[in-house]
Every structure is written in structure tokens, then in C-alpha cells.
Amino acid sequence: MKEEQDFRHGIEWMDFQHQQLIDKFNELHDTCSSTGCSTNRPSIDETITFIEHYISEHFGLEELYMKKSTYPDYKKHEREHLMFSNDFRQLRHRITEKGAVKPDELVSKLANWIINHIANSDRLLAAYLLKKPIR
């Protein structure tokens, strides 16, 4: 993972929640690197539960701030959240219900999300929110 500083955008609640996701990713990545994802079911289940809560809480909070600040890229950002949520639900189902996917795919999906969404889309949102604070 990139240096964690790359994912700090200057908004305390956003940075805190992003750091929680990065920490969870690092735990899962370390576990999968040392023992293999497929042999460590509790770690996979814990990560899946965490991400379900993260999606609900973090995405909801970002979307609230985007609406209140009239963020011009709200629809695009919201679509990214929806696409990740849908992809994650399908992946979770394939991992937990069908066992049809190697859990390593979860590691890959999280890495892509952190690198592409948090480092890019959320950086743009944070820059906007810092210029136009909500009262």
C-alpha cells in the first residue's frame, strides 16, 4: 500500500474513517501473506463485516456532506459508491455463500478501492469541502 500520508486529505472524520479501512486492509493483507487467505476464515469474515458497516456509515456521511455542500461531482461520486457497494455484495455472496471466489479477491478489491477512490475521488471531495465548509 502507498504511504498512508497519501490518503490523508485534511478532514478529520474522513481521514479517521479512511485510516480504519486502511488498517483493516493491512491486517487482512498481512494475514493473507503469512498464512493464505483461504486458510484464515475468521479474518475474512471480520473484514467482510467491517466493510459492510464502513459502506453504510462512511458512504452515507460523505454523501450527506456532498449534498449539504452542493458538491458538483455528487452524482459521479455517488455512482462510485454504488458500484463498489454492489460489487462488494456480489463478492461477499460468492465468498461466504458459494465459496466460489478465492478470498484473495477481497484483498485486491480493497487495494483498488483505496488506491483509486480514496486517493483520487475523495481527495477532490475533501479539497472542495475544505474550501466550502458546511455551517
N, C-alpha and C. Protein backbone atom coordinates (compact mmCIF):
# COMPACT_ATOMS: atom_id res chain seq x y z
N MET A 1 0.85 -1.18 0.00
CA MET A 1 0.00 0.00 0.00
C MET A 1 0.89 1.24 0.00
N LYS A 2 0.44 2.28 -0.67
CA LYS A 2 1.16 3.55 -0.68
C LYS A 2 1.36 4.04 0.75
N GLU A 3 2.25 4.98 0.89
CA GLU A 3 2.39 5.59 2.22
C GLU A 3 1.05 6.15 2.65
N GLU A 4 0.74 5.96 3.91
CA GLU A 4 -0.57 6.35 4.40
C GLU A 4 -0.81 7.85 4.28
N GLN A 5 0.24 8.64 4.25
CA GLN A 5 0.08 10.09 4.10
C GLN A 5 -0.66 10.43 2.81
N ASP A 6 -0.53 9.61 1.78
CA ASP A 6 -1.21 9.83 0.51
C ASP A 6 -2.73 9.81 0.66
N PHE A 7 -3.22 9.24 1.74
CA PHE A 7 -4.66 9.08 1.91
C PHE A 7 -5.25 10.04 2.94
N ARG A 8 -4.46 10.97 3.42
CA ARG A 8 -4.95 11.99 4.34
C ARG A 8 -5.29 13.22 3.53
N HIS A 9 -6.51 13.70 3.75
CA HIS A 9 -6.99 14.81 2.93
C HIS A 9 -7.30 16.08 3.71
N GLY A 10 -7.09 16.05 5.03
CA GLY A 10 -7.27 17.26 5.82
C GLY A 10 -8.63 17.43 6.45
N ILE A 11 -9.48 16.42 6.35
CA ILE A 11 -10.79 16.45 7.01
C ILE A 11 -10.77 15.32 8.04
N GLU A 12 -10.87 15.70 9.30
CA GLU A 12 -10.63 14.76 10.40
C GLU A 12 -11.48 13.50 10.32
N TRP A 13 -12.80 13.63 10.20
CA TRP A 13 -13.66 12.45 10.20
C TRP A 13 -13.37 11.56 8.99
N MET A 14 -13.11 12.17 7.84
CA MET A 14 -12.83 11.41 6.63
C MET A 14 -11.50 10.67 6.76
N ASP A 15 -10.48 11.39 7.22
CA ASP A 15 -9.17 10.77 7.39
C ASP A 15 -9.22 9.63 8.40
N PHE A 16 -9.96 9.82 9.48
CA PHE A 16 -10.08 8.78 10.50
C PHE A 16 -10.72 7.52 9.92
N GLN A 17 -11.82 7.70 9.21
CA GLN A 17 -12.51 6.54 8.65
C GLN A 17 -11.68 5.87 7.56
N HIS A 18 -11.02 6.66 6.74
CA HIS A 18 -10.13 6.07 5.73
C HIS A 18 -9.02 5.27 6.40
N GLN A 19 -8.47 5.80 7.48
CA GLN A 19 -7.40 5.11 8.18
C GLN A 19 -7.90 3.78 8.74
N GLN A 20 -9.13 3.76 9.23
CA GLN A 20 -9.70 2.50 9.73
C GLN A 20 -9.75 1.46 8.61
N LEU A 21 -10.18 1.87 7.42
CA LEU A 21 -10.24 0.95 6.30
C LEU A 21 -8.84 0.48 5.89
N ILE A 22 -7.91 1.40 5.86
CA ILE A 22 -6.53 1.04 5.50
C ILE A 22 -5.94 0.08 6.53
N ASP A 23 -6.20 0.33 7.81
CA ASP A 23 -5.72 -0.58 8.85
C ASP A 23 -6.31 -1.97 8.68
N LYS A 24 -7.60 -2.04 8.39
CA LYS A 24 -8.26 -3.33 8.20
C LYS A 24 -7.69 -4.03 6.97
N PHE A 25 -7.46 -3.27 5.90
CA PHE A 25 -6.85 -3.84 4.71
C PHE A 25 -5.47 -4.39 5.04
N ASN A 26 -4.65 -3.61 5.75
CA ASN A 26 -3.29 -4.05 6.09
C ASN A 26 -3.31 -5.32 6.94
N GLU A 27 -4.24 -5.41 7.88
CA GLU A 27 -4.37 -6.63 8.69
C GLU A 27 -4.68 -7.83 7.81
N LEU A 28 -5.66 -7.65 6.93
CA LEU A 28 -6.06 -8.75 6.04
C LEU A 28 -4.91 -9.11 5.11
N HIS A 29 -4.25 -8.12 4.55
CA HIS A 29 -3.14 -8.37 3.64
C HIS A 29 -2.01 -9.12 4.35
N ASP A 30 -1.68 -8.69 5.56
CA ASP A 30 -0.62 -9.36 6.33
C ASP A 30 -0.99 -10.81 6.63
N THR A 31 -2.25 -11.03 7.02
CA THR A 31 -2.72 -12.38 7.31
C THR A 31 -2.65 -13.26 6.07
N CYS A 32 -3.12 -12.71 4.96
CA CYS A 32 -3.12 -13.49 3.72
C CYS A 32 -1.71 -13.76 3.23
N SER A 33 -0.81 -12.82 3.47
CA SER A 33 0.58 -13.00 3.04
C SER A 33 1.29 -14.08 3.86
N SER A 34 0.95 -14.16 5.15
CA SER A 34 1.65 -15.11 6.01
C SER A 34 1.01 -16.49 6.04
N THR A 35 -0.31 -16.56 6.05
CA THR A 35 -0.96 -17.88 6.17
C THR A 35 -1.86 -18.23 4.99
N GLY A 36 -2.10 -17.27 4.12
CA GLY A 36 -3.01 -17.51 2.99
C GLY A 36 -4.43 -17.16 3.38
N CYS A 37 -5.11 -16.45 2.52
CA CYS A 37 -6.48 -16.01 2.81
C CYS A 37 -7.43 -17.19 2.99
N SER A 38 -7.28 -18.19 2.16
CA SER A 38 -8.26 -19.28 2.18
C SER A 38 -8.18 -20.10 3.47
N THR A 39 -7.07 -19.99 4.20
CA THR A 39 -6.95 -20.75 5.44
C THR A 39 -7.33 -19.93 6.66
N ASN A 40 -7.68 -18.68 6.47
CA ASN A 40 -7.96 -17.82 7.62
C ASN A 40 -9.36 -17.23 7.52
N ARG A 41 -10.34 -18.07 7.65
CA ARG A 41 -11.74 -17.67 7.51
C ARG A 41 -12.19 -16.61 8.52
N PRO A 42 -11.79 -16.67 9.79
CA PRO A 42 -12.22 -15.62 10.74
C PRO A 42 -11.78 -14.23 10.31
N SER A 43 -10.58 -14.11 9.78
CA SER A 43 -10.09 -12.81 9.33
C SER A 43 -10.91 -12.29 8.15
N ILE A 44 -11.25 -13.18 7.24
CA ILE A 44 -12.08 -12.81 6.08
C ILE A 44 -13.46 -12.36 6.56
N ASP A 45 -14.07 -13.14 7.44
CA ASP A 45 -15.41 -12.80 7.94
C ASP A 45 -15.40 -11.47 8.70
N GLU A 46 -14.37 -11.24 9.49
CA GLU A 46 -14.25 -9.98 10.24
C GLU A 46 -14.12 -8.79 9.27
N THR A 47 -13.34 -8.97 8.23
CA THR A 47 -13.16 -7.90 7.25
C THR A 47 -14.46 -7.63 6.50
N ILE A 48 -15.16 -8.67 6.13
CA ILE A 48 -16.44 -8.50 5.43
C ILE A 48 -17.43 -7.74 6.29
N THR A 49 -17.53 -8.09 7.56
CA THR A 49 -18.43 -7.38 8.47
C THR A 49 -18.03 -5.92 8.61
N PHE A 50 -16.72 -5.67 8.75
CA PHE A 50 -16.24 -4.30 8.86
C PHE A 50 -16.63 -3.50 7.61
N ILE A 51 -16.41 -4.06 6.44
CA ILE A 51 -16.69 -3.33 5.20
C ILE A 51 -18.18 -3.05 5.05
N GLU A 52 -19.02 -3.97 5.46
CA GLU A 52 -20.47 -3.72 5.42
C GLU A 52 -20.83 -2.48 6.23
N HIS A 53 -20.28 -2.38 7.43
CA HIS A 53 -20.54 -1.21 8.28
C HIS A 53 -19.90 0.05 7.68
N TYR A 54 -18.70 -0.09 7.16
CA TYR A 54 -18.00 1.03 6.56
C TYR A 54 -18.80 1.61 5.40
N ILE A 55 -19.29 0.75 4.54
CA ILE A 55 -20.08 1.20 3.39
C ILE A 55 -21.28 2.02 3.86
N SER A 56 -21.98 1.51 4.83
CA SER A 56 -23.17 2.19 5.33
C SER A 56 -22.82 3.53 5.98
N GLU A 57 -21.88 3.52 6.89
CA GLU A 57 -21.57 4.72 7.66
C GLU A 57 -20.75 5.74 6.86
N HIS A 58 -19.66 5.30 6.29
CA HIS A 58 -18.76 6.24 5.62
C HIS A 58 -19.38 6.80 4.35
N PHE A 59 -19.93 5.95 3.51
CA PHE A 59 -20.53 6.44 2.28
C PHE A 59 -21.70 7.37 2.59
N GLY A 60 -22.50 7.00 3.59
CA GLY A 60 -23.62 7.84 3.98
C GLY A 60 -23.18 9.22 4.44
N LEU A 61 -22.12 9.26 5.22
CA LEU A 61 -21.61 10.54 5.72
C LEU A 61 -21.04 11.38 4.58
N GLU A 62 -20.26 10.76 3.70
CA GLU A 62 -19.72 11.50 2.56
C GLU A 62 -20.86 12.07 1.70
N GLU A 63 -21.87 11.26 1.45
CA GLU A 63 -22.98 11.70 0.61
C GLU A 63 -23.77 12.82 1.27
N LEU A 64 -23.90 12.78 2.57
CA LEU A 64 -24.56 13.87 3.30
C LEU A 64 -23.78 15.17 3.13
N TYR A 65 -22.48 15.11 3.31
CA TYR A 65 -21.64 16.29 3.13
C TYR A 65 -21.67 16.80 1.69
N MET A 66 -21.70 15.88 0.74
CA MET A 66 -21.75 16.29 -0.67
C MET A 66 -23.06 17.04 -0.96
N LYS A 67 -24.17 16.54 -0.43
CA LYS A 67 -25.46 17.19 -0.66
C LYS A 67 -25.49 18.57 0.01
N LYS A 68 -25.07 18.61 1.27
CA LYS A 68 -25.15 19.87 2.01
C LYS A 68 -24.23 20.94 1.44
N SER A 69 -23.14 20.53 0.82
CA SER A 69 -22.19 21.50 0.26
C SER A 69 -22.43 21.75 -1.22
N THR A 70 -23.44 21.10 -1.78
CA THR A 70 -23.74 21.15 -3.22
C THR A 70 -22.50 20.82 -4.06
N TYR A 71 -21.89 19.71 -3.72
CA TYR A 71 -20.69 19.24 -4.42
C TYR A 71 -21.03 18.98 -5.88
N PRO A 72 -20.32 19.60 -6.81
CA PRO A 72 -20.68 19.50 -8.23
C PRO A 72 -20.53 18.10 -8.83
N ASP A 73 -19.66 17.25 -8.26
CA ASP A 73 -19.49 15.89 -8.78
C ASP A 73 -20.22 14.86 -7.92
N TYR A 74 -21.26 15.30 -7.25
CA TYR A 74 -22.00 14.41 -6.34
C TYR A 74 -22.47 13.14 -7.04
N LYS A 75 -23.11 13.27 -8.16
CA LYS A 75 -23.68 12.10 -8.85
C LYS A 75 -22.59 11.10 -9.24
N LYS A 76 -21.49 11.60 -9.75
CA LYS A 76 -20.38 10.72 -10.15
C LYS A 76 -19.81 10.00 -8.93
N HIS A 77 -19.61 10.72 -7.85
CA HIS A 77 -19.05 10.16 -6.62
C HIS A 77 -20.03 9.13 -6.03
N GLU A 78 -21.30 9.48 -6.02
CA GLU A 78 -22.31 8.57 -5.51
C GLU A 78 -22.35 7.28 -6.34
N ARG A 79 -22.21 7.42 -7.66
CA ARG A 79 -22.18 6.23 -8.54
C ARG A 79 -21.00 5.32 -8.19
N GLU A 80 -19.86 5.92 -7.89
CA GLU A 80 -18.70 5.12 -7.49
C GLU A 80 -19.00 4.34 -6.21
N HIS A 81 -19.65 4.99 -5.26
CA HIS A 81 -20.05 4.31 -4.03
C HIS A 81 -21.00 3.15 -4.34
N LEU A 82 -21.98 3.42 -5.18
CA LEU A 82 -22.97 2.40 -5.52
C LEU A 82 -22.31 1.22 -6.24
N MET A 83 -21.42 1.51 -7.16
CA MET A 83 -20.74 0.43 -7.89
C MET A 83 -19.90 -0.42 -6.93
N PHE A 84 -19.16 0.22 -6.02
CA PHE A 84 -18.37 -0.54 -5.06
C PHE A 84 -19.29 -1.36 -4.16
N SER A 85 -20.37 -0.76 -3.69
CA SER A 85 -21.32 -1.47 -2.81
C SER A 85 -21.88 -2.70 -3.50
N ASN A 86 -22.30 -2.54 -4.73
CA ASN A 86 -22.86 -3.67 -5.48
C ASN A 86 -21.81 -4.74 -5.74
N ASP A 87 -20.64 -4.32 -6.17
CA ASP A 87 -19.55 -5.28 -6.40
C ASP A 87 -19.20 -6.02 -5.11
N PHE A 88 -19.14 -5.27 -4.00
CA PHE A 88 -18.80 -5.90 -2.73
C PHE A 88 -19.86 -6.91 -2.31
N ARG A 89 -21.13 -6.56 -2.46
CA ARG A 89 -22.21 -7.50 -2.08
C ARG A 89 -22.12 -8.79 -2.89
N GLN A 90 -21.86 -8.66 -4.18
CA GLN A 90 -21.72 -9.85 -5.03
C GLN A 90 -20.50 -10.67 -4.61
N LEU A 91 -19.41 -10.00 -4.35
CA LEU A 91 -18.19 -10.69 -3.91
C LEU A 91 -18.42 -11.37 -2.57
N ARG A 92 -19.03 -10.66 -1.64
CA ARG A 92 -19.33 -11.25 -0.32
C ARG A 92 -20.18 -12.50 -0.48
N HIS A 93 -21.18 -12.44 -1.32
CA HIS A 93 -22.05 -13.60 -1.54
C HIS A 93 -21.26 -14.77 -2.11
N ARG A 94 -20.41 -14.48 -3.07
CA ARG A 94 -19.62 -15.55 -3.68
C ARG A 94 -18.63 -16.15 -2.69
N ILE A 95 -18.09 -15.32 -1.79
CA ILE A 95 -17.13 -15.82 -0.80
C ILE A 95 -17.84 -16.58 0.31
N THR A 96 -18.87 -15.97 0.90
CA THR A 96 -19.50 -16.54 2.09
C THR A 96 -20.51 -17.63 1.78
N GLU A 97 -21.26 -17.47 0.73
CA GLU A 97 -22.33 -18.43 0.45
C GLU A 97 -21.90 -19.56 -0.48
N LYS A 98 -21.16 -19.23 -1.48
CA LYS A 98 -20.83 -20.21 -2.50
C LYS A 98 -19.40 -20.71 -2.42
N GLY A 99 -18.53 -19.95 -1.76
CA GLY A 99 -17.13 -20.33 -1.72
C GLY A 99 -16.52 -20.38 -3.12
N ALA A 100 -17.14 -19.63 -4.05
CA ALA A 100 -16.74 -19.71 -5.46
C ALA A 100 -15.59 -18.79 -5.82
N VAL A 101 -15.19 -17.95 -4.89
CA VAL A 101 -14.14 -16.98 -5.17
C VAL A 101 -13.03 -17.17 -4.15
N LYS A 102 -11.82 -17.03 -4.60
CA LYS A 102 -10.72 -17.04 -3.65
C LYS A 102 -10.81 -15.76 -2.83
N PRO A 103 -10.70 -15.85 -1.52
CA PRO A 103 -10.78 -14.64 -0.70
C PRO A 103 -9.72 -13.60 -1.05
N ASP A 104 -8.65 -14.02 -1.74
CA ASP A 104 -7.63 -13.05 -2.17
C ASP A 104 -8.26 -11.96 -3.03
N GLU A 105 -9.36 -12.26 -3.68
CA GLU A 105 -10.04 -11.25 -4.50
C GLU A 105 -10.52 -10.08 -3.64
N LEU A 106 -10.86 -10.37 -2.39
CA LEU A 106 -11.26 -9.30 -1.46
C LEU A 106 -10.09 -8.35 -1.22
N VAL A 107 -8.91 -8.90 -1.04
CA VAL A 107 -7.71 -8.07 -0.84
C VAL A 107 -7.50 -7.18 -2.06
N SER A 108 -7.62 -7.75 -3.23
CA SER A 108 -7.43 -7.00 -4.47
C SER A 108 -8.46 -5.89 -4.63
N LYS A 109 -9.73 -6.20 -4.35
CA LYS A 109 -10.80 -5.21 -4.48
C LYS A 109 -10.57 -4.05 -3.52
N LEU A 110 -10.18 -4.34 -2.29
CA LEU A 110 -9.92 -3.26 -1.32
C LEU A 110 -8.73 -2.41 -1.73
N ALA A 111 -7.68 -3.05 -2.20
CA ALA A 111 -6.50 -2.29 -2.64
C ALA A 111 -6.87 -1.35 -3.77
N ASN A 112 -7.62 -1.84 -4.75
CA ASN A 112 -8.05 -0.99 -5.87
C ASN A 112 -8.92 0.16 -5.39
N TRP A 113 -9.82 -0.10 -4.45
CA TRP A 113 -10.69 0.95 -3.94
C TRP A 113 -9.88 2.03 -3.23
N ILE A 114 -8.97 1.61 -2.38
CA ILE A 114 -8.16 2.57 -1.63
C ILE A 114 -7.33 3.42 -2.58
N ILE A 115 -6.69 2.77 -3.53
CA ILE A 115 -5.80 3.48 -4.44
C ILE A 115 -6.59 4.38 -5.40
N ASN A 116 -7.68 3.87 -5.95
CA ASN A 116 -8.40 4.63 -6.97
C ASN A 116 -9.42 5.61 -6.40
N HIS A 117 -10.20 5.20 -5.43
CA HIS A 117 -11.26 6.07 -4.93
C HIS A 117 -10.77 7.02 -3.85
N ILE A 118 -10.16 6.49 -2.81
CA ILE A 118 -9.75 7.34 -1.70
C ILE A 118 -8.66 8.32 -2.13
N ALA A 119 -7.69 7.83 -2.88
CA ALA A 119 -6.57 8.70 -3.26
C ALA A 119 -6.96 9.72 -4.33
N ASN A 120 -8.02 9.45 -5.09
CA ASN A 120 -8.40 10.36 -6.17
C ASN A 120 -9.74 11.05 -5.92
N SER A 121 -10.81 10.30 -5.96
CA SER A 121 -12.15 10.90 -5.83
C SER A 121 -12.35 11.57 -4.48
N ASP A 122 -11.95 10.90 -3.41
CA ASP A 122 -12.12 11.50 -2.08
C ASP A 122 -11.20 12.69 -1.88
N ARG A 123 -10.05 12.68 -2.52
CA ARG A 123 -9.14 13.83 -2.43
C ARG A 123 -9.82 15.06 -3.04
N LEU A 124 -10.49 14.89 -4.18
CA LEU A 124 -11.20 16.00 -4.82
C LEU A 124 -12.35 16.50 -3.94
N LEU A 125 -13.09 15.56 -3.36
CA LEU A 125 -14.19 15.93 -2.47
C LEU A 125 -13.66 16.71 -1.27
N ALA A 126 -12.60 16.21 -0.65
CA ALA A 126 -12.05 16.89 0.53
C ALA A 126 -11.58 18.30 0.18
N ALA A 127 -10.93 18.45 -0.95
CA ALA A 127 -10.46 19.78 -1.36
C ALA A 127 -11.64 20.73 -1.50
N TYR A 128 -12.74 20.25 -2.06
CA TYR A 128 -13.94 21.07 -2.20
C TYR A 128 -14.53 21.42 -0.84
N LEU A 129 -14.64 20.42 0.04
CA LEU A 129 -15.21 20.66 1.36
C LEU A 129 -14.36 21.62 2.19
N LEU A 130 -13.06 21.57 2.01
CA LEU A 130 -12.19 22.49 2.75
C LEU A 130 -12.37 23.93 2.30
N LYS A 131 -12.74 24.10 1.03
CA LYS A 131 -12.99 25.46 0.51
C LYS A 131 -14.39 25.95 0.83
N LYS A 132 -15.32 25.01 0.94
CA LYS A 132 -16.72 25.37 1.15
C LYS A 132 -17.27 24.62 2.36
N PRO A 133 -16.88 25.04 3.55
CA PRO A 133 -17.32 24.32 4.75
C PRO A 133 -18.84 24.43 4.95
N ILE A 134 -19.39 23.41 5.56
CA ILE A 134 -20.81 23.37 5.85
C ILE A 134 -21.04 24.03 7.20
N ARG A 135 -22.03 24.84 7.26
CA ARG A 135 -22.34 25.52 8.52
C ARG A 135 -23.50 24.89 9.21
